[in-house]
C-alpha atoms as a PDB file:
ATOM      1  CA  MET A   1      70.028  49.913 130.453  1.00  0.00           C
ATOM      2  CA  HIS A   2      68.096  52.796 128.917  1.00  0.00           C
ATOM      3  CA  ALA A   3      70.383  52.829 125.849  1.00  0.00           C
ATOM      4  CA  THR A   4      69.722  49.121 125.345  1.00  0.00           C
ATOM      5  CA  VAL A   5      65.979  49.731 125.228  1.00  0.00           C
ATOM      6  CA  LYS A   6      66.433  52.509 122.652  1.00  0.00           C
ATOM      7  CA  LEU A   7      68.737  50.357 120.537  1.00  0.00           C
ATOM      8  CA  THR A   8      66.275  47.465 120.657  1.00  0.00           C
ATOM      9  CA  ALA A   9      63.440  49.752 119.563  1.00  0.00           C
ATOM     10  CA  ILE A  10      65.499  51.201 116.717  1.00  0.00           C
ATOM     11  CA  LEU A  11      66.487  47.746 115.493  1.00  0.00           C
ATOM     12  CA  ALA A  12      62.882  46.541 115.661  1.00  0.00           C
ATOM     13  CA  VAL A  13      61.668  49.464 113.574  1.00  0.00           C
ATOM     14  CA  ALA A  14      64.490  49.026 111.045  1.00  0.00           C
ATOM     15  CA  ALA A  15      63.824  45.307 110.702  1.00  0.00           C
ATOM     16  CA  SER A  16      60.118  45.882 110.162  1.00  0.00           C
ATOM     17  CA  GLY A  17      60.628  48.454 107.391  1.00  0.00           C
ATOM     18  CA  ALA A  18      59.680  45.935 104.743  1.00  0.00           C
ATOM     19  CA  ALA A  19      56.316  45.530 106.442  1.00  0.00           C
ATOM     20  CA  PHE A  20      55.502  49.142 105.568  1.00  0.00           C
ATOM     21  CA  ALA A  21      56.483  48.813 101.906  1.00  0.00           C
ATOM     22  CA  ALA A  22      53.654  48.617  99.396  1.00  0.00           C
ATOM     23  CA  SER A  23      53.147  45.292  97.709  1.00  0.00           C
ATOM     24  CA  ALA A  24      54.046  44.963  94.050  1.00  0.00           C
ATOM     25  CA  GLU A  25      50.419  44.257  93.191  1.00  0.00           C
ATOM     26  CA  ASP A  26      49.356  47.492  94.899  1.00  0.00           C
ATOM     27  CA  ILE A  27      51.888  49.478  92.878  1.00  0.00           C
ATOM     28  CA  ILE A  28      50.811  47.793  89.646  1.00  0.00           C
ATOM     29  CA  ALA A  29      47.184  48.669  90.388  1.00  0.00           C
ATOM     30  CA  LYS A  30      47.919  52.235  91.573  1.00  0.00           C
ATOM     31  CA  GLU A  31      50.139  53.020  88.591  1.00  0.00           C
ATOM     32  CA  ARG A  32      47.675  51.361  86.182  1.00  0.00           C
ATOM     33  CA  CYS A  33      50.361  49.213  84.567  1.00  0.00           C
ATOM     34  CA  TRP A  34      47.610  47.022  83.139  1.00  0.00           C
ATOM     35  CA  ALA A  35      46.517  49.899  80.879  1.00  0.00           C
ATOM     36  CA  CYS A  36      49.588  49.255  78.700  1.00  0.00           C
ATOM     37  CA  HIS A  37      50.889  45.822  79.738  1.00  0.00           C
ATOM     38  CA  THR A  38      49.469  42.405  80.454  1.00  0.00           C
ATOM     39  CA  SER A  39      51.306  39.216  81.162  1.00  0.00           C
ATOM     40  CA  LYS A  40      50.862  37.822  77.628  1.00  0.00           C
ATOM     41  CA  THR A  41      49.370  40.450  75.302  1.00  0.00           C
ATOM     42  CA  THR A  42      50.507  43.851  74.084  1.00  0.00           C
ATOM     43  CA  PRO A  43      47.633  46.358  74.321  1.00  0.00           C
ATOM     44  CA  LYS A  44      50.039  49.313  74.115  1.00  0.00           C
ATOM     45  CA  GLY A  45      53.393  48.348  75.635  1.00  0.00           C
ATOM     46  CA  PRO A  46      55.172  45.022  75.427  1.00  0.00           C
ATOM     47  CA  SER A  47      53.757  42.063  77.316  1.00  0.00           C
ATOM     48  CA  TRP A  48      55.564  41.160  80.482  1.00  0.00           C
ATOM     49  CA  ALA A  49      56.309  37.739  78.985  1.00  0.00           C
ATOM     50  CA  SER A  50      58.103  39.400  76.063  1.00  0.00           C
ATOM     51  CA  VAL A  51      60.059  41.641  78.450  1.00  0.00           C
ATOM     52  CA  ALA A  52      61.035  38.565  80.488  1.00  0.00           C
ATOM     53  CA  ALA A  53      62.148  36.765  77.314  1.00  0.00           C
ATOM     54  CA  LYS A  54      64.158  39.766  76.154  1.00  0.00           C
ATOM     55  CA  TYR A  55      66.042  40.092  79.441  1.00  0.00           C
ATOM     56  CA  GLN A  56      66.383  36.354  80.152  1.00  0.00           C
ATOM     57  CA  GLY A  57      69.897  35.465  81.236  1.00  0.00           C
ATOM     58  CA  GLN A  58      71.050  39.076  81.513  1.00  0.00           C
ATOM     59  CA  PRO A  59      72.626  39.524  84.950  1.00  0.00           C
ATOM     60  CA  ASP A  60      71.784  43.243  85.066  1.00  0.00           C
ATOM     61  CA  ALA A  61      68.165  42.870  83.917  1.00  0.00           C
ATOM     62  CA  GLU A  62      66.673  43.706  87.305  1.00  0.00           C
ATOM     63  CA  ALA A  63      68.817  46.826  87.717  1.00  0.00           C
ATOM     64  CA  LYS A  64      68.042  48.054  84.179  1.00  0.00           C
ATOM     65  CA  LEU A  65      64.307  47.615  84.605  1.00  0.00           C
ATOM     66  CA  VAL A  66      64.229  49.163  88.085  1.00  0.00           C
ATOM     67  CA  GLN A  67      66.055  52.226  86.724  1.00  0.00           C
ATOM     68  CA  MET A  68      63.624  52.460  83.783  1.00  0.00           C
ATOM     69  CA  LEU A  69      60.655  52.377  86.166  1.00  0.00           C
ATOM     70  CA  LYS A  70      62.293  54.789  88.575  1.00  0.00           C
ATOM     71  CA  ASN A  71      63.377  57.365  85.982  1.00  0.00           C
ATOM     72  CA  GLY A  72      60.845  56.889  83.204  1.00  0.00           C
ATOM     73  CA  GLY A  73      61.814  58.041  79.733  1.00  0.00           C
ATOM     74  CA  PRO A  74      62.721  56.264  76.515  1.00  0.00           C
ATOM     75  CA  THR A  75      62.521  52.493  76.402  1.00  0.00           C
ATOM     76  CA  PRO A  76      64.472  50.220  74.058  1.00  0.00           C
ATOM     77  CA  SER A  77      61.424  50.189  71.758  1.00  0.00           C
ATOM     78  CA  GLY A  78      61.496  53.999  71.511  1.00  0.00           C
ATOM     79  CA  ASP A  79      58.368  54.661  73.553  1.00  0.00           C
ATOM     80  CA  ASP A  80      58.430  56.743  76.721  1.00  0.00           C
ATOM     81  CA  HIS A  81      57.669  54.940  79.963  1.00  0.00           C
ATOM     82  CA  LYS A  82      56.239  56.946  82.830  1.00  0.00           C
ATOM     83  CA  LYS A  83      57.966  57.130  86.201  1.00  0.00           C
ATOM     84  CA  VAL A  84      56.627  54.615  88.683  1.00  0.00           C
ATOM     85  CA  ALA A  85      56.405  55.716  92.313  1.00  0.00           C
ATOM     86  CA  GLY A  86      57.878  53.350  94.873  1.00  0.00           C
ATOM     87  CA  SER A  87      60.950  52.469  96.846  1.00  0.00           C
ATOM     88  CA  ASP A  88      63.757  50.481  95.264  1.00  0.00           C
ATOM     89  CA  ALA A  89      62.489  47.403  97.122  1.00  0.00           C
ATOM     90  CA  ASP A  90      58.966  47.957  95.784  1.00  0.00           C
ATOM     91  CA  LEU A  91      60.214  48.431  92.229  1.00  0.00           C
ATOM     92  CA  LYS A  92      62.359  45.296  92.507  1.00  0.00           C
ATOM     93  CA  ALA A  93      59.226  43.402  93.526  1.00  0.00           C
ATOM     94  CA  VAL A  94      57.368  44.719  90.456  1.00  0.00           C
ATOM     95  CA  VAL A  95      60.316  43.777  88.219  1.00  0.00           C
ATOM     96  CA  ALA A  96      60.359  40.289  89.769  1.00  0.00           C
ATOM     97  CA  ILE A  97      56.742  39.826  88.676  1.00  0.00           C
ATOM     98  CA  VAL A  98      57.568  41.029  85.166  1.00  0.00           C
ATOM     99  CA  LEU A  99      60.676  38.845  84.835  1.00  0.00           C
ATOM    100  CA  SER A 100      58.807  35.763  86.075  1.00  0.00           C
ATOM    101  CA  SER A 101      56.104  36.119  83.420  1.00  0.00           C
ATOM    102  CA  LYS A 102      55.880  33.391  80.798  1.00  0.00           C
END
């Protein structure tokens, strides 16, 4: 019986892991993404709408963009992108916002 209680507790904590993840909006604010990107204009970096258009229909778009955020470094335009702190799930949420921009 005692092992069942432990297993139940472990499963509950594992299932609630997403609840502890930062929201995409929090990451965008913390990392100051808006300093270089907006949804439609290009103050310094490309607009999110232009990124979404560029990667539209590419099955590996999410993975490419998550890796770029995770690792930083050169972008396709030749600029360097800074590393963005966050879990893979958090970065996927940020990329989902970018790819849904119009």
